[in-house]
Amino acid sequence: MSHRVTVSSSSTDYRHASVLLEGAVDTLVHDADGVYLDGTFGRGGHSRAILTRLGLKGRLLAIDRDPQALMEARHIEDQRFSIFADTFSHLGDIARAQGVHGELSGILLDVGVSSPQLDDPERGFSFLRDGPLDMRMDPESGESAAQWLSHASEADITWIFKSYGEERFAKRMARAIVERRRETPISRTGELAELLKAAHPAWEKGKHPATRAFQALRIHVNRELEELDEALEAALEALAPGGHLVVISFHSLEDRRVKRFIRHHVRGDTHLPRGMPVRDDQLARRLEALGKARRPGRDEVEDNPRARSAVMRAARKIN
């Protein structure tokens, strides 16, 4: 269940480079007095930028499930801002509770893991620094990666690595995990990284052999793709007609979902009988695309190498 977090004090130490910051906020904010929702507060870069564009009557709701992100939100002292502890798939419930469902001027979803999460070894997201094998965005909810790996079947681990990591050697890696855990539990990121490295027969230049498997585990542990699908559907209903949806994704699995969702609602009902004369308004189109997909420029990638895979897509709700 979501709950509002009271914010106080002030800070300008963001400790995180928000990707496609100006482009996202330019596209999102089209009414300075509107109500907006930042579905992934992170370290607040986008939220802070949105607040600078809002008038006195404007309002910003933000959501995050990461306790560290919620602590960062306490540094924002602004009566127009509210933060809620929840997943962005519940954004519709939060909008209803705040009396703005169907009235939001814009929704921003910056999908994926943040740099502070990756850089903190205690969170267990990265194989670059040894730490507990956790990977949960909310450490108080659900199973950690270590807990799941302790009982998951070889077939399930293989499927996760192949489906969410697009890992060619998923079966070999899964088998190595199952064999190792018979001897000792796998509880550290460094231990898992070395195990996967040894099981991987074809290393890619410049990429650690555990990269795809770690991504897959993180996506599974946090239900990231299911959360994204649910958030997109909820966003469409929570937006006001004319409201803007802006989504930033960081890998192809996410971006394909966003692209497919927008394209479906731009085309409208495509299941009508072939040859039937149909007026344009009968297609029940609900979105119009706001330009083409946008990617970071060379300067932004040089300043923040993690931005290189980011893709931003945006659409306007028609009805």
C-alpha atoms as a PDB file:
ATOM      1  CA  MET A   1       0.000   0.000   0.000  1.00  0.00           C
ATOM      2  CA  SER A   2       1.356   3.428  -0.912  1.00  0.00           C
ATOM      3  CA  HIS A   3       1.779   6.160   1.627  1.00  0.00           C
ATOM      4  CA  ARG A   4       2.701   9.773   1.359  1.00  0.00           C
ATOM      5  CA  VAL A   5       6.119  10.801   2.655  1.00  0.00           C
ATOM      6  CA  THR A   6       6.406  14.248   4.223  1.00  0.00           C
ATOM      7  CA  VAL A   7       9.273  16.286   2.782  1.00  0.00           C
ATOM      8  CA  SER A   8      11.374  18.859   4.582  1.00  0.00           C
ATOM      9  CA  SER A   9      14.701  20.715   4.447  1.00  0.00           C
ATOM     10  CA  SER A  10      16.573  21.394   1.212  1.00  0.00           C
ATOM     11  CA  SER A  11      19.502  20.066  -0.783  1.00  0.00           C
ATOM     12  CA  THR A  12      21.189  20.552  -4.144  1.00  0.00           C
ATOM     13  CA  ASP A  13      23.347  17.417  -3.928  1.00  0.00           C
ATOM     14  CA  TYR A  14      21.642  15.177  -6.501  1.00  0.00           C
ATOM     15  CA  ARG A  15      24.427  12.574  -6.755  1.00  0.00           C
ATOM     16  CA  HIS A  16      22.854  11.291  -9.953  1.00  0.00           C
ATOM     17  CA  ALA A  17      22.854  12.447 -13.573  1.00  0.00           C
ATOM     18  CA  SER A  18      19.283  12.306 -14.883  1.00  0.00           C
ATOM     19  CA  VAL A  19      19.279  11.086 -18.463  1.00  0.00           C
ATOM     20  CA  LEU A  20      17.656  13.161 -21.219  1.00  0.00           C
ATOM     21  CA  LEU A  21      16.728  15.688 -18.558  1.00  0.00           C
ATOM     22  CA  GLU A  22      15.935  18.753 -20.657  1.00  0.00           C
ATOM     23  CA  GLY A  23      14.307  16.851 -23.495  1.00  0.00           C
ATOM     24  CA  ALA A  24      12.070  14.866 -21.167  1.00  0.00           C
ATOM     25  CA  VAL A  25      10.929  17.882 -19.163  1.00  0.00           C
ATOM     26  CA  ASP A  26      10.434  20.030 -22.284  1.00  0.00           C
ATOM     27  CA  THR A  27       8.183  17.341 -23.736  1.00  0.00           C
ATOM     28  CA  LEU A  28       6.341  16.607 -20.494  1.00  0.00           C
ATOM     29  CA  VAL A  29       5.436  20.068 -19.197  1.00  0.00           C
ATOM     30  CA  HIS A  30       2.990  21.826 -21.511  1.00  0.00           C
ATOM     31  CA  ASP A  31       0.835  23.529 -18.861  1.00  0.00           C
ATOM     32  CA  ALA A  32       2.602  25.316 -16.023  1.00  0.00           C
ATOM     33  CA  ASP A  33      -0.498  25.066 -13.828  1.00  0.00           C
ATOM     34  CA  GLY A  34      -1.100  21.363 -14.478  1.00  0.00           C
ATOM     35  CA  VAL A  35      -0.733  18.314 -12.254  1.00  0.00           C
ATOM     36  CA  TYR A  36       2.164  16.016 -13.174  1.00  0.00           C
ATOM     37  CA  LEU A  37       3.409  12.653 -11.966  1.00  0.00           C
ATOM     38  CA  ASP A  38       7.015  11.448 -11.873  1.00  0.00           C
ATOM     39  CA  GLY A  39       6.627   7.685 -11.584  1.00  0.00           C
ATOM     40  CA  THR A  40      10.298   7.062 -10.834  1.00  0.00           C
ATOM     41  CA  PHE A  41      11.698   9.746  -8.519  1.00  0.00           C
ATOM     42  CA  GLY A  42      15.146   8.130  -8.258  1.00  0.00           C
ATOM     43  CA  ARG A  43      17.406  10.889  -6.964  1.00  0.00           C
ATOM     44  CA  GLY A  44      15.018  13.629  -8.034  1.00  0.00           C
ATOM     45  CA  GLY A  45      16.731  15.143 -11.044  1.00  0.00           C
ATOM     46  CA  HIS A  46      13.641  15.085 -13.244  1.00  0.00           C
ATOM     47  CA  SER A  47      11.319  16.072 -10.399  1.00  0.00           C
ATOM     48  CA  ARG A  48      13.413  19.094  -9.505  1.00  0.00           C
ATOM     49  CA  ALA A  49      13.523  20.175 -13.137  1.00  0.00           C
ATOM     50  CA  ILE A  50       9.747  19.759 -13.491  1.00  0.00           C
ATOM     51  CA  LEU A  51       9.157  21.943 -10.421  1.00  0.00           C
ATOM     52  CA  THR A  52      11.162  24.761 -12.011  1.00  0.00           C
ATOM     53  CA  ARG A  53       8.703  24.763 -14.929  1.00  0.00           C
ATOM     54  CA  LEU A  54       5.530  24.812 -12.842  1.00  0.00           C
ATOM     55  CA  GLY A  55       3.572  27.874 -11.777  1.00  0.00           C
ATOM     56  CA  LEU A  56       2.150  28.507  -8.328  1.00  0.00           C
ATOM     57  CA  LYS A  57      -0.927  26.426  -9.154  1.00  0.00           C
ATOM     58  CA  GLY A  58       1.089  23.534 -10.572  1.00  0.00           C
ATOM     59  CA  ARG A  59       1.529  20.291  -8.687  1.00  0.00           C
ATOM     60  CA  LEU A  60       3.886  17.309  -8.865  1.00  0.00           C
ATOM     61  CA  LEU A  61       3.271  13.838  -7.470  1.00  0.00           C
ATOM     62  CA  ALA A  62       6.265  11.488  -7.357  1.00  0.00           C
ATOM     63  CA  ILE A  63       6.576   7.764  -6.672  1.00  0.00           C
ATOM     64  CA  ASP A  64       9.440   5.483  -5.700  1.00  0.00           C
ATOM     65  CA  ARG A  65       9.832   2.180  -3.857  1.00  0.00           C
ATOM     66  CA  ASP A  66      13.504   2.612  -2.984  1.00  0.00           C
ATOM     67  CA  PRO A  67      14.005   3.756   0.648  1.00  0.00           C
ATOM     68  CA  GLN A  68      17.098   5.764  -0.322  1.00  0.00           C
ATOM     69  CA  ALA A  69      15.138   7.601  -3.018  1.00  0.00           C
ATOM     70  CA  LEU A  70      12.420   8.412  -0.492  1.00  0.00           C
ATOM     71  CA  MET A  71      15.056   9.829   1.849  1.00  0.00           C
ATOM     72  CA  GLU A  72      16.394  11.996  -0.970  1.00  0.00           C
ATOM     73  CA  ALA A  73      12.880  13.314  -1.606  1.00  0.00           C
ATOM     74  CA  ARG A  74      12.858  14.712   1.935  1.00  0.00           C
ATOM     75  CA  HIS A  75      15.344  17.318   0.739  1.00  0.00           C
ATOM     76  CA  ILE A  76      12.744  18.946  -1.492  1.00  0.00           C
ATOM     77  CA  GLU A  77      10.967  21.748   0.315  1.00  0.00           C
ATOM     78  CA  ASP A  78       8.099  22.708  -1.977  1.00  0.00           C
ATOM     79  CA  GLN A  79       4.393  22.769  -1.172  1.00  0.00           C
ATOM     80  CA  ARG A  80       3.624  21.740  -4.760  1.00  0.00           C
ATOM     81  CA  PHE A  81       5.477  18.428  -4.335  1.00  0.00           C
ATOM     82  CA  SER A  82       4.347  15.127  -2.799  1.00  0.00           C
ATOM     83  CA  ILE A  83       6.215  11.809  -2.718  1.00  0.00           C
ATOM     84  CA  PHE A  84       4.610   8.371  -2.318  1.00  0.00           C
ATOM     85  CA  ALA A  85       6.260   5.104  -1.326  1.00  0.00           C
ATOM     86  CA  ASP A  86       5.027   2.603  -3.899  1.00  0.00           C
ATOM     87  CA  THR A  87       5.670   1.048  -7.298  1.00  0.00           C
ATOM     88  CA  PHE A  88       4.778   3.039 -10.397  1.00  0.00           C
ATOM     89  CA  SER A  89       2.359   0.326 -11.484  1.00  0.00           C
ATOM     90  CA  HIS A  90       0.078   1.710  -8.729  1.00  0.00           C
ATOM     91  CA  LEU A  91       0.123   5.247 -10.109  1.00  0.00           C
ATOM     92  CA  GLY A  92      -3.582   5.029 -10.938  1.00  0.00           C
ATOM     93  CA  ASP A  93      -4.452   4.267  -7.310  1.00  0.00           C
ATOM     94  CA  ILE A  94      -2.340   7.180  -6.118  1.00  0.00           C
ATOM     95  CA  ALA A  95      -3.949   9.540  -8.632  1.00  0.00           C
ATOM     96  CA  ARG A  96      -7.400   8.425  -7.462  1.00  0.00           C
ATOM     97  CA  ALA A  97      -6.495   8.940  -3.820  1.00  0.00           C
ATOM     98  CA  GLN A  98      -5.288  12.446  -4.652  1.00  0.00           C
ATOM     99  CA  GLY A  99      -8.436  13.244  -6.622  1.00  0.00           C
ATOM    100  CA  VAL A 100      -6.637  13.744  -9.941  1.00  0.00           C
ATOM    101  CA  HIS A 101      -7.288  10.491 -11.804  1.00  0.00           C
ATOM    102  CA  GLY A 102      -8.056  11.283 -15.428  1.00  0.00           C
ATOM    103  CA  GLU A 103      -6.803  14.830 -14.869  1.00  0.00           C
ATOM    104  CA  LEU A 104      -3.005  14.517 -15.005  1.00  0.00           C
ATOM    105  CA  SER A 105      -1.301  16.849 -17.451  1.00  0.00           C
ATOM    106  CA  GLY A 106       1.703  14.583 -17.800  1.00  0.00           C
ATOM    107  CA  ILE A 107       3.344  11.381 -16.580  1.00  0.00           C
ATOM    108  CA  LEU A 108       7.075  10.639 -16.700  1.00  0.00           C
ATOM    109  CA  LEU A 109       8.476   7.116 -16.330  1.00  0.00           C
ATOM    110  CA  ASP A 110      12.274   6.825 -16.173  1.00  0.00           C
ATOM    111  CA  VAL A 111      12.520   3.040 -16.187  1.00  0.00           C
ATOM    112  CA  GLY A 112      15.264   0.876 -14.738  1.00  0.00           C
ATOM    113  CA  VAL A 113      17.948   1.031 -12.072  1.00  0.00           C
ATOM    114  CA  SER A 114      19.648   4.271 -10.996  1.00  0.00           C
ATOM    115  CA  SER A 115      23.372   4.955 -10.728  1.00  0.00           C
ATOM    116  CA  PRO A 116      23.312   5.182  -6.896  1.00  0.00           C
ATOM    117  CA  GLN A 117      21.700   1.753  -6.784  1.00  0.00           C
ATOM    118  CA  LEU A 118      24.356   0.314  -9.093  1.00  0.00           C
ATOM    119  CA  ASP A 119      27.220   2.006  -7.276  1.00  0.00           C
ATOM    120  CA  ASP A 120      26.286   0.865  -3.767  1.00  0.00           C
ATOM    121  CA  PRO A 121      27.694  -2.660  -3.255  1.00  0.00           C
ATOM    122  CA  GLU A 122      25.305  -3.243  -0.339  1.00  0.00           C
ATOM    123  CA  ARG A 123      22.363  -3.165  -2.762  1.00  0.00           C
ATOM    124  CA  GLY A 124      23.752  -6.111  -4.738  1.00  0.00           C
ATOM    125  CA  PHE A 125      22.907  -4.828  -8.215  1.00  0.00           C
ATOM    126  CA  SER A 126      26.386  -4.871  -9.714  1.00  0.00           C
ATOM    127  CA  PHE A 127      29.095  -7.471 -10.212  1.00  0.00           C
ATOM    128  CA  LEU A 128      31.776  -4.765 -10.216  1.00  0.00           C
ATOM    129  CA  ARG A 129      31.820  -4.494  -6.415  1.00  0.00           C
ATOM    130  CA  ASP A 130      31.300  -7.421  -4.081  1.00  0.00           C
ATOM    131  CA  GLY A 131      28.281  -7.221  -1.812  1.00  0.00           C
ATOM    132  CA  PRO A 132      25.177  -9.110  -0.666  1.00  0.00           C
ATOM    133  CA  LEU A 133      23.309 -10.661  -3.596  1.00  0.00           C
ATOM    134  CA  ASP A 134      20.087  -8.708  -3.075  1.00  0.00           C
ATOM    135  CA  MET A 135      19.020  -6.627  -6.141  1.00  0.00           C
ATOM    136  CA  ARG A 136      15.667  -5.551  -4.695  1.00  0.00           C
ATOM    137  CA  MET A 137      14.678  -1.938  -5.326  1.00  0.00           C
ATOM    138  CA  ASP A 138      12.709  -2.210  -2.099  1.00  0.00           C
ATOM    139  CA  PRO A 139      14.902  -4.298   0.247  1.00  0.00           C
ATOM    140  CA  GLU A 140      11.934  -4.865   2.540  1.00  0.00           C
ATOM    141  CA  SER A 141       9.734  -6.501  -0.071  1.00  0.00           C
ATOM    142  CA  GLY A 142       9.848  -9.834  -1.870  1.00  0.00           C
ATOM    143  CA  GLU A 143      12.689 -12.298  -2.370  1.00  0.00           C
ATOM    144  CA  SER A 144      16.275 -11.248  -2.865  1.00  0.00           C
ATOM    145  CA  ALA A 145      18.235 -12.619  -5.823  1.00  0.00           C
ATOM    146  CA  ALA A 146      20.116 -14.934  -3.454  1.00  0.00           C
ATOM    147  CA  GLN A 147      16.892 -16.291  -1.981  1.00  0.00           C
ATOM    148  CA  TRP A 148      15.406 -16.951  -5.403  1.00  0.00           C
ATOM    149  CA  LEU A 149      18.538 -18.654  -6.715  1.00  0.00           C
ATOM    150  CA  SER A 150      18.599 -20.907  -3.658  1.00  0.00           C
ATOM    151  CA  HIS A 151      15.447 -22.747  -4.735  1.00  0.00           C
ATOM    152  CA  ALA A 152      14.691 -21.939  -8.391  1.00  0.00           C
ATOM    153  CA  SER A 153      14.837 -24.851 -10.806  1.00  0.00           C
ATOM    154  CA  GLU A 154      17.517 -25.064 -13.460  1.00  0.00           C
ATOM    155  CA  ALA A 155      14.806 -24.650 -16.097  1.00  0.00           C
ATOM    156  CA  ASP A 156      13.461 -21.480 -14.476  1.00  0.00           C
ATOM    157  CA  ILE A 157      16.911 -19.929 -14.115  1.00  0.00           C
ATOM    158  CA  THR A 158      17.630 -20.779 -17.755  1.00  0.00           C
ATOM    159  CA  TRP A 159      14.380 -19.162 -18.865  1.00  0.00           C
ATOM    160  CA  ILE A 160      15.046 -15.980 -16.887  1.00  0.00           C
ATOM    161  CA  PHE A 161      18.590 -15.619 -18.240  1.00  0.00           C
ATOM    162  CA  LYS A 162      17.443 -16.265 -21.805  1.00  0.00           C
ATOM    163  CA  SER A 163      14.245 -14.186 -21.736  1.00  0.00           C
ATOM    164  CA  TYR A 164      15.335 -11.203 -19.641  1.00  0.00           C
ATOM    165  CA  GLY A 165      19.054 -11.193 -20.370  1.00  0.00           C
ATOM    166  CA  GLU A 166      19.019 -12.534 -23.935  1.00  0.00           C
ATOM    167  CA  GLU A 167      21.918 -14.705 -22.779  1.00  0.00           C
ATOM    168  CA  ARG A 168      23.018 -17.330 -25.318  1.00  0.00           C
ATOM    169  CA  PHE A 169      24.624 -19.546 -22.688  1.00  0.00           C
ATOM    170  CA  ALA A 170      21.760 -19.415 -20.217  1.00  0.00           C
ATOM    171  CA  LYS A 171      21.552 -23.182 -19.786  1.00  0.00           C
ATOM    172  CA  ARG A 172      25.250 -23.573 -18.978  1.00  0.00           C
ATOM    173  CA  MET A 173      25.091 -20.742 -16.465  1.00  0.00           C
ATOM    174  CA  ALA A 174      21.965 -22.127 -14.796  1.00  0.00           C
ATOM    175  CA  ARG A 175      23.540 -25.546 -14.496  1.00  0.00           C
ATOM    176  CA  ALA A 176      26.651 -24.031 -12.873  1.00  0.00           C
ATOM    177  CA  ILE A 177      24.474 -22.253 -10.293  1.00  0.00           C
ATOM    178  CA  VAL A 178      22.515 -25.393  -9.424  1.00  0.00           C
ATOM    179  CA  GLU A 179      25.699 -27.429  -9.076  1.00  0.00           C
ATOM    180  CA  ARG A 180      27.389 -24.827  -6.866  1.00  0.00           C
ATOM    181  CA  ARG A 181      24.431 -24.359  -4.537  1.00  0.00           C
ATOM    182  CA  ARG A 182      24.478 -28.090  -3.756  1.00  0.00           C
ATOM    183  CA  GLU A 183      27.792 -27.415  -2.059  1.00  0.00           C
ATOM    184  CA  THR A 184      27.241 -23.923  -0.632  1.00  0.00           C
ATOM    185  CA  PRO A 185      24.649 -21.107  -0.887  1.00  0.00           C
ATOM    186  CA  ILE A 186      25.427 -18.314  -3.339  1.00  0.00           C
ATOM    187  CA  SER A 187      25.074 -15.143  -1.289  1.00  0.00           C
ATOM    188  CA  ARG A 188      27.546 -12.598  -2.741  1.00  0.00           C
ATOM    189  CA  THR A 189      27.628 -10.711  -6.034  1.00  0.00           C
ATOM    190  CA  GLY A 190      31.337 -11.394  -6.468  1.00  0.00           C
ATOM    191  CA  GLU A 191      30.831 -15.120  -5.969  1.00  0.00           C
ATOM    192  CA  LEU A 192      28.032 -15.253  -8.536  1.00  0.00           C
ATOM    193  CA  ALA A 193      29.976 -13.127 -11.022  1.00  0.00           C
ATOM    194  CA  GLU A 194      32.994 -15.442 -10.865  1.00  0.00           C
ATOM    195  CA  LEU A 195      30.787 -18.521 -11.206  1.00  0.00           C
ATOM    196  CA  LEU A 196      29.037 -17.110 -14.289  1.00  0.00           C
ATOM    197  CA  LYS A 197      32.334 -15.955 -15.737  1.00  0.00           C
ATOM    198  CA  ALA A 198      33.744 -19.478 -15.497  1.00  0.00           C
ATOM    199  CA  ALA A 199      30.611 -20.974 -17.076  1.00  0.00           C
ATOM    200  CA  HIS A 200      30.595 -18.562 -20.033  1.00  0.00           C
ATOM    201  CA  PRO A 201      32.537 -19.965 -22.997  1.00  0.00           C
ATOM    202  CA  ALA A 202      32.568 -16.897 -25.273  1.00  0.00           C
ATOM    203  CA  TRP A 203      33.404 -13.568 -23.656  1.00  0.00           C
ATOM    204  CA  GLU A 204      32.446 -10.404 -25.548  1.00  0.00           C
ATOM    205  CA  LYS A 205      35.139  -7.767 -25.811  1.00  0.00           C
ATOM    206  CA  GLY A 206      34.523  -4.963 -23.341  1.00  0.00           C
ATOM    207  CA  LYS A 207      31.635  -6.740 -21.587  1.00  0.00           C
ATOM    208  CA  HIS A 208      31.815  -8.809 -18.427  1.00  0.00           C
ATOM    209  CA  PRO A 209      30.381 -12.301 -19.121  1.00  0.00           C
ATOM    210  CA  ALA A 210      27.981 -11.942 -16.176  1.00  0.00           C
ATOM    211  CA  THR A 211      26.406  -8.722 -17.498  1.00  0.00           C
ATOM    212  CA  ARG A 212      23.325 -10.216 -19.154  1.00  0.00           C
ATOM    213  CA  ALA A 213      22.624 -12.686 -16.357  1.00  0.00           C
ATOM    214  CA  PHE A 214      22.806  -9.951 -13.694  1.00  0.00           C
ATOM    215  CA  GLN A 215      20.410  -7.817 -15.742  1.00  0.00           C
ATOM    216  CA  ALA A 216      18.025 -10.750 -16.054  1.00  0.00           C
ATOM    217  CA  LEU A 217      18.086 -11.464 -12.322  1.00  0.00           C
ATOM    218  CA  ARG A 218      17.425  -7.828 -11.476  1.00  0.00           C
ATOM    219  CA  ILE A 219      14.491  -7.645 -13.890  1.00  0.00           C
ATOM    220  CA  HIS A 220      13.000 -10.823 -12.463  1.00  0.00           C
ATOM    221  CA  VAL A 221      13.472  -9.968  -8.784  1.00  0.00           C
ATOM    222  CA  ASN A 222      11.791  -6.570  -9.247  1.00  0.00           C
ATOM    223  CA  ARG A 223       9.124  -7.652 -11.780  1.00  0.00           C
ATOM    224  CA  GLU A 224      10.360  -4.795 -13.934  1.00  0.00           C
ATOM    225  CA  LEU A 225       8.676  -5.732 -17.205  1.00  0.00           C
ATOM    226  CA  GLU A 226       5.352  -6.589 -15.570  1.00  0.00           C
ATOM    227  CA  GLU A 227       5.531  -3.336 -13.605  1.00  0.00           C
ATOM    228  CA  LEU A 228       6.173  -1.402 -16.815  1.00  0.00           C
ATOM    229  CA  ASP A 229       3.235  -3.000 -18.644  1.00  0.00           C
ATOM    230  CA  GLU A 230       0.910  -2.242 -15.727  1.00  0.00           C
ATOM    231  CA  ALA A 231       2.220   1.314 -15.394  1.00  0.00           C
ATOM    232  CA  LEU A 232       1.653   2.089 -19.073  1.00  0.00           C
ATOM    233  CA  GLU A 233      -1.953   0.918 -18.918  1.00  0.00           C
ATOM    234  CA  ALA A 234      -2.525   2.846 -15.684  1.00  0.00           C
ATOM    235  CA  ALA A 235      -0.940   5.979 -17.139  1.00  0.00           C
ATOM    236  CA  LEU A 236      -3.262   6.008 -20.140  1.00  0.00           C
ATOM    237  CA  GLU A 237      -6.290   6.075 -17.850  1.00  0.00           C
ATOM    238  CA  ALA A 238      -4.820   8.561 -15.361  1.00  0.00           C
ATOM    239  CA  LEU A 239      -3.926  11.182 -17.979  1.00  0.00           C
ATOM    240  CA  ALA A 240      -6.326  13.947 -18.934  1.00  0.00           C
ATOM    241  CA  PRO A 241      -7.180  14.326 -22.640  1.00  0.00           C
ATOM    242  CA  GLY A 242      -4.226  16.236 -24.066  1.00  0.00           C
ATOM    243  CA  GLY A 243      -1.922  14.911 -21.321  1.00  0.00           C
ATOM    244  CA  HIS A 244       1.607  13.842 -22.208  1.00  0.00           C
ATOM    245  CA  LEU A 245       3.231  10.476 -21.502  1.00  0.00           C
ATOM    246  CA  VAL A 246       7.049  10.414 -21.548  1.00  0.00           C
ATOM    247  CA  VAL A 247       8.976   7.170 -21.045  1.00  0.00           C
ATOM    248  CA  ILE A 248      12.745   6.731 -20.855  1.00  0.00           C
ATOM    249  CA  SER A 249      13.992   3.146 -21.095  1.00  0.00           C
ATOM    250  CA  PHE A 250      17.472   1.661 -20.979  1.00  0.00           C
ATOM    251  CA  HIS A 251      17.384  -1.673 -22.746  1.00  0.00           C
ATOM    252  CA  SER A 252      15.603  -3.214 -25.698  1.00  0.00           C
ATOM    253  CA  LEU A 253      13.185  -5.324 -23.650  1.00  0.00           C
ATOM    254  CA  GLU A 254      11.730  -2.171 -22.084  1.00  0.00           C
ATOM    255  CA  ASP A 255      11.826  -0.056 -25.215  1.00  0.00           C
ATOM    256  CA  ARG A 256      10.036  -2.671 -27.323  1.00  0.00           C
ATOM    257  CA  ARG A 257       7.196  -2.719 -24.813  1.00  0.00           C
ATOM    258  CA  VAL A 258       6.896   1.079 -24.801  1.00  0.00           C
ATOM    259  CA  LYS A 259       7.089   1.279 -28.593  1.00  0.00           C
ATOM    260  CA  ARG A 260       4.452  -1.442 -28.990  1.00  0.00           C
ATOM    261  CA  PHE A 261       2.129   0.204 -26.442  1.00  0.00           C
ATOM    262  CA  ILE A 262       2.273   3.626 -28.088  1.00  0.00           C
ATOM    263  CA  ARG A 263       1.946   2.203 -31.603  1.00  0.00           C
ATOM    264  CA  HIS A 264      -1.104   0.141 -30.598  1.00  0.00           C
ATOM    265  CA  HIS A 265      -2.950   3.132 -29.204  1.00  0.00           C
ATOM    266  CA  VAL A 266      -1.885   5.401 -32.076  1.00  0.00           C
ATOM    267  CA  ARG A 267      -3.347   2.937 -34.617  1.00  0.00           C
ATOM    268  CA  GLY A 268      -6.498   2.253 -32.626  1.00  0.00           C
ATOM    269  CA  ASP A 269      -8.756  -0.730 -33.255  1.00  0.00           C
ATOM    270  CA  THR A 270      -7.089  -2.805 -35.982  1.00  0.00           C
ATOM    271  CA  HIS A 271      -9.286  -5.890 -35.474  1.00  0.00           C
ATOM    272  CA  LEU A 272     -12.248  -4.667 -37.479  1.00  0.00           C
ATOM    273  CA  PRO A 273     -13.450  -6.866 -40.373  1.00  0.00           C
ATOM    274  CA  ARG A 274     -11.441  -6.420 -43.551  1.00  0.00           C
ATOM    275  CA  GLY A 275     -13.165  -4.194 -46.096  1.00  0.00           C
ATOM    276  CA  MET A 276     -15.591  -2.642 -43.609  1.00  0.00           C
ATOM    277  CA  PRO A 277     -15.907   1.130 -44.154  1.00  0.00           C
ATOM    278  CA  VAL A 278     -14.823   2.795 -40.920  1.00  0.00           C
ATOM    279  CA  ARG A 279     -14.722   6.461 -39.976  1.00  0.00           C
ATOM    280  CA  ASP A 280     -11.523   7.673 -38.366  1.00  0.00           C
ATOM    281  CA  ASP A 281     -13.309   8.365 -35.078  1.00  0.00           C
ATOM    282  CA  GLN A 282     -14.469   4.734 -34.957  1.00  0.00           C
ATOM    283  CA  LEU A 283     -10.895   3.443 -34.693  1.00  0.00           C
ATOM    284  CA  ALA A 284     -10.839   4.493 -31.038  1.00  0.00           C
ATOM    285  CA  ARG A 285      -7.348   5.912 -31.258  1.00  0.00           C
ATOM    286  CA  ARG A 286      -6.207   7.025 -27.816  1.00  0.00           C
ATOM    287  CA  LEU A 287      -2.699   8.386 -28.404  1.00  0.00           C
ATOM    288  CA  GLU A 288      -0.733  10.403 -30.908  1.00  0.00           C
ATOM    289  CA  ALA A 289       3.032  10.125 -30.980  1.00  0.00           C
ATOM    290  CA  LEU A 290       5.038  13.213 -30.061  1.00  0.00           C
ATOM    291  CA  GLY A 291       7.878  12.944 -32.539  1.00  0.00           C
ATOM    292  CA  LYS A 292      10.247  10.037 -33.021  1.00  0.00           C
ATOM    293  CA  ALA A 293      12.273   8.164 -30.436  1.00  0.00           C
ATOM    294  CA  ARG A 294      14.987  10.348 -28.969  1.00  0.00           C
ATOM    295  CA  ARG A 295      18.432   9.324 -27.746  1.00  0.00           C
ATOM    296  CA  PRO A 296      21.125  11.172 -25.785  1.00  0.00           C
ATOM    297  CA  GLY A 297      23.548  13.308 -27.729  1.00  0.00           C
ATOM    298  CA  ARG A 298      27.282  12.735 -27.863  1.00  0.00           C
ATOM    299  CA  ASP A 299      28.005  15.290 -25.135  1.00  0.00           C
ATOM    300  CA  GLU A 300      25.556  13.696 -22.691  1.00  0.00           C
ATOM    301  CA  VAL A 301      26.986  10.225 -23.302  1.00  0.00           C
ATOM    302  CA  GLU A 302      30.521  11.531 -22.753  1.00  0.00           C
ATOM    303  CA  ASP A 303      29.434  13.123 -19.464  1.00  0.00           C
ATOM    304  CA  ASN A 304      27.397  10.075 -18.408  1.00  0.00           C
ATOM    305  CA  PRO A 305      28.377   6.834 -20.213  1.00  0.00           C
ATOM    306  CA  ARG A 306      25.400   5.008 -18.678  1.00  0.00           C
ATOM    307  CA  ALA A 307      23.127   7.213 -20.797  1.00  0.00           C
ATOM    308  CA  ARG A 308      24.306   5.613 -24.043  1.00  0.00           C
ATOM    309  CA  SER A 309      21.500   3.024 -24.168  1.00  0.00           C
ATOM    310  CA  ALA A 310      18.656   5.369 -23.190  1.00  0.00           C
ATOM    311  CA  VAL A 311      15.659   5.850 -25.483  1.00  0.00           C
ATOM    312  CA  MET A 312      12.867   8.366 -24.884  1.00  0.00           C
ATOM    313  CA  ARG A 313       9.410   7.971 -26.410  1.00  0.00           C
ATOM    314  CA  ALA A 314       6.482  10.318 -25.900  1.00  0.00           C
ATOM    315  CA  ALA A 315       2.814  10.520 -26.793  1.00  0.00           C
ATOM    316  CA  ARG A 316      -0.225  12.719 -26.192  1.00  0.00           C
ATOM    317  CA  LYS A 317      -3.534  11.291 -25.019  1.00  0.00           C
ATOM    318  CA  ILE A 318      -6.346  11.989 -27.471  1.00  0.00           C
ATOM    319  CA  ASN A 319      -9.286  10.736 -25.441  1.00  0.00           C
END
